Amino acid sequence: MTSVNANTTTQIHNAVGNSLRIKGASSRGDLVVSASAGVCGLRKKIIPLTATYTVLVADSGSLYTLGTAGGFTVTLPAVADCSGCEWDFVVKVAPTTAYIIDSAANDVHGAAVTIDDAAGDSKGTAGTAVDAVTFVANEAKIGDKLNIFSDGTYFYATAIGSGVFTSITYT
């Protein structure tokens, strides 16, 4: 098994002459490669948040935990800088004030599904870009999750919640 550290390049050869070149270039996570099993594991970088924060492009692939009942705003980078970027956000502490994942402009498209909704409703942007996704105070639950990725033109957001229909909103 070979481990690759950030800012190093490792070349791995197998018995029949095939090779795999890996360049570690960030601290987003650990990549472990086994000659017999291929890619064995990629660990996400977990970034605990407890106050207002601006997401970094360099942290693409990370999982942010939202961990203060008082809530706060997380600001996304400019969408034009984010082609290929992806982040996950998960509620670690149920908010009594909202957690807001905010973009600088109306460039977020997406949908939310909540489990505790007898009508089976879902909600989203319906083709009209919005500015923010909100985990609503006193309604969002521990484990509610948001995934955001970008193609450099828009952010695409998918939210899953365990609370009531209004626990995650797009505004």
Protein backbone atom coordinates (compact mmCIF):
# COMPACT_ATOMS: atom_id res chain seq x y z
CA MET A 1 0.00 0.00 0.00
CA THR A 2 1.25 3.48 -0.86
CA SER A 3 0.25 6.73 0.82
CA VAL A 4 0.57 10.03 -1.04
CA ASN A 5 1.27 13.22 0.87
CA ALA A 6 0.34 16.73 -0.21
CA ASN A 7 2.76 18.38 -2.64
CA THR A 8 4.43 15.09 -3.67
CA THR A 9 4.22 12.95 -6.78
CA THR A 10 4.27 9.15 -6.57
CA GLN A 11 4.48 6.71 -9.48
CA ILE A 12 3.25 3.17 -8.88
CA HIS A 13 4.04 0.29 -11.28
CA ASN A 14 2.35 -3.09 -11.35
CA ALA A 15 3.79 -6.46 -12.42
CA VAL A 16 2.74 -6.05 -16.08
CA GLY A 17 4.21 -2.60 -16.50
CA ASN A 18 1.07 -0.48 -16.01
CA SER A 19 1.57 2.54 -13.86
CA LEU A 20 -0.45 5.06 -11.93
CA ARG A 21 0.88 8.53 -11.25
CA ILE A 22 -0.60 10.43 -8.34
CA LYS A 23 0.14 14.00 -7.40
CA GLY A 24 -0.95 15.14 -3.95
CA ALA A 25 -1.65 18.86 -4.10
CA SER A 26 -3.92 19.80 -1.25
CA SER A 27 -4.91 19.05 2.30
CA ARG A 28 -8.52 18.17 1.40
CA GLY A 29 -8.12 14.56 2.42
CA ASP A 30 -6.01 11.44 2.28
CA LEU A 31 -5.77 9.23 -0.80
CA VAL A 32 -4.52 5.71 -0.23
CA VAL A 33 -3.74 3.48 -3.21
CA SER A 34 -3.09 -0.26 -3.06
CA ALA A 35 -1.38 -2.04 -5.96
CA SER A 36 -3.84 -4.92 -5.58
CA ALA A 37 -7.04 -3.05 -4.76
CA GLY A 38 -6.80 0.31 -6.56
CA VAL A 39 -8.11 3.33 -4.69
CA CYS A 40 -8.76 2.22 -1.13
CA GLY A 41 -10.08 5.33 0.47
CA LEU A 42 -10.55 9.03 0.14
CA ARG A 43 -11.40 10.84 3.32
CA LYS A 44 -13.24 14.13 3.22
CA LYS A 45 -11.79 17.02 5.11
CA ILE A 46 -14.24 17.92 7.89
CA ILE A 47 -14.40 21.61 8.74
CA PRO A 48 -16.39 22.43 11.89
CA LEU A 49 -18.12 25.82 11.74
CA THR A 50 -19.47 27.72 14.73
CA ALA A 51 -19.58 31.26 13.32
CA THR A 52 -19.91 33.21 10.08
CA TYR A 53 -17.55 31.82 7.45
CA THR A 54 -16.57 32.28 3.79
CA VAL A 55 -16.08 29.00 1.91
CA LEU A 56 -12.74 28.53 0.16
CA VAL A 57 -12.42 27.15 -3.37
CA ALA A 58 -9.38 25.22 -2.09
CA ASP A 59 -11.66 23.31 0.30
CA SER A 60 -13.74 21.79 -2.50
CA GLY A 61 -14.67 18.26 -1.47
CA SER A 62 -14.96 19.18 2.21
CA LEU A 63 -17.78 18.58 4.65
CA TYR A 64 -18.74 21.57 6.80
CA THR A 65 -20.53 20.87 10.08
CA LEU A 66 -22.90 23.60 11.29
CA GLY A 67 -22.45 23.58 15.02
CA THR A 68 -23.95 26.53 16.90
CA ALA A 69 -27.60 26.68 17.94
CA GLY A 70 -27.46 30.45 17.42
CA GLY A 71 -26.99 29.95 13.66
CA PHE A 72 -24.84 31.97 11.25
CA THR A 73 -24.24 32.69 7.56
CA VAL A 74 -21.83 30.77 5.34
CA THR A 75 -20.89 32.66 2.16
CA LEU A 76 -19.98 30.82 -1.04
CA PRO A 77 -17.16 32.06 -3.30
CA ALA A 78 -17.97 33.73 -6.62
CA VAL A 79 -19.56 31.08 -8.84
CA ALA A 80 -17.20 31.88 -11.74
CA ASP A 81 -14.28 30.71 -9.57
CA CYS A 82 -15.94 27.40 -8.68
CA SER A 83 -16.10 25.23 -11.81
CA GLY A 84 -15.82 21.64 -10.58
CA CYS A 85 -16.10 22.55 -6.89
CA GLU A 86 -18.36 20.68 -4.48
CA TRP A 87 -19.10 21.04 -0.77
CA ASP A 88 -21.37 19.35 1.75
CA PHE A 89 -22.97 21.00 4.77
CA VAL A 90 -24.56 19.06 7.62
CA VAL A 91 -26.46 20.30 10.67
CA LYS A 92 -24.53 19.19 13.75
CA VAL A 93 -26.51 21.31 16.24
CA ALA A 94 -30.19 22.04 15.58
CA PRO A 95 -30.48 25.81 15.08
CA THR A 96 -32.56 28.22 17.12
CA THR A 97 -31.46 30.90 14.63
CA ALA A 98 -31.11 29.93 10.96
CA TYR A 99 -28.04 28.61 9.19
CA ILE A 100 -27.86 30.41 5.84
CA ILE A 101 -25.71 29.20 2.95
CA ASP A 102 -25.46 32.34 0.82
CA SER A 103 -24.11 33.15 -2.63
CA ALA A 104 -23.11 36.62 -3.78
CA ALA A 105 -25.76 36.65 -6.51
CA ASN A 106 -28.90 34.80 -7.59
CA ASP A 107 -27.01 31.80 -8.97
CA VAL A 108 -28.29 28.82 -6.92
CA HIS A 109 -30.61 26.20 -8.46
CA GLY A 110 -31.84 23.15 -6.62
CA ALA A 111 -34.36 21.17 -4.66
CA ALA A 112 -35.03 20.05 -1.12
CA VAL A 113 -36.74 16.92 0.12
CA THR A 114 -37.88 16.55 3.70
CA ILE A 115 -38.80 13.27 5.34
CA ASP A 116 -41.36 14.43 7.93
CA ASP A 117 -43.88 15.67 5.39
CA ALA A 118 -47.17 13.77 5.21
CA ALA A 119 -48.06 15.29 1.83
CA GLY A 120 -44.77 14.16 0.28
CA ASP A 121 -44.05 17.66 -0.97
CA SER A 122 -40.69 18.78 -2.21
CA LYS A 123 -39.53 22.29 -2.91
CA GLY A 124 -36.86 24.01 -4.90
CA THR A 125 -36.02 26.84 -7.20
CA ALA A 126 -38.33 25.72 -10.04
CA GLY A 127 -35.88 26.96 -12.66
CA THR A 128 -35.40 30.41 -11.13
CA ALA A 129 -32.03 30.96 -9.47
CA VAL A 130 -32.02 32.12 -5.84
CA ASP A 131 -29.45 33.61 -3.49
CA ALA A 132 -29.50 31.28 -0.49
CA VAL A 133 -30.41 27.96 1.06
CA THR A 134 -31.57 28.18 4.67
CA PHE A 135 -31.75 25.58 7.42
CA VAL A 136 -34.69 27.15 9.25
CA ALA A 137 -34.52 27.95 12.98
CA ASN A 138 -36.40 25.57 15.27
CA GLU A 139 -37.27 23.31 12.29
CA ALA A 140 -33.99 21.97 10.85
CA LYS A 141 -32.72 18.85 12.59
CA ILE A 142 -29.35 17.27 13.33
CA GLY A 143 -28.26 15.39 10.21
CA ASP A 144 -30.07 17.59 7.68
CA LYS A 145 -27.71 17.93 4.75
CA LEU A 146 -26.96 20.16 1.76
CA ASN A 147 -24.72 19.31 -1.19
CA ILE A 148 -23.61 22.14 -3.49
CA PHE A 149 -21.57 21.81 -6.68
CA SER A 150 -20.80 24.23 -9.48
CA ASP A 151 -20.09 24.22 -13.20
CA GLY A 152 -18.73 27.79 -13.01
CA THR A 153 -22.06 29.27 -14.16
CA TYR A 154 -24.44 28.15 -11.40
CA PHE A 155 -24.41 26.45 -8.02
CA TYR A 156 -26.58 23.31 -7.94
CA ALA A 157 -27.93 22.50 -4.49
CA THR A 158 -29.63 19.35 -3.21
CA ALA A 159 -30.92 19.32 0.35
CA ILE A 160 -32.29 16.46 2.42
CA GLY A 161 -33.99 17.13 5.74
CA SER A 162 -35.58 15.06 8.46
CA GLY A 163 -37.82 17.86 9.66
CA VAL A 164 -41.07 19.34 8.39
CA PHE A 165 -41.63 20.67 4.87
CA THR A 166 -40.53 24.20 5.81
CA SER A 167 -37.26 23.15 7.53
CA ILE A 168 -35.09 23.90 4.46
CA THR A 169 -35.87 26.82 2.15
CA TYR A 170 -34.50 28.35 -1.05
CA THR A 171 -34.72 32.18 -1.15
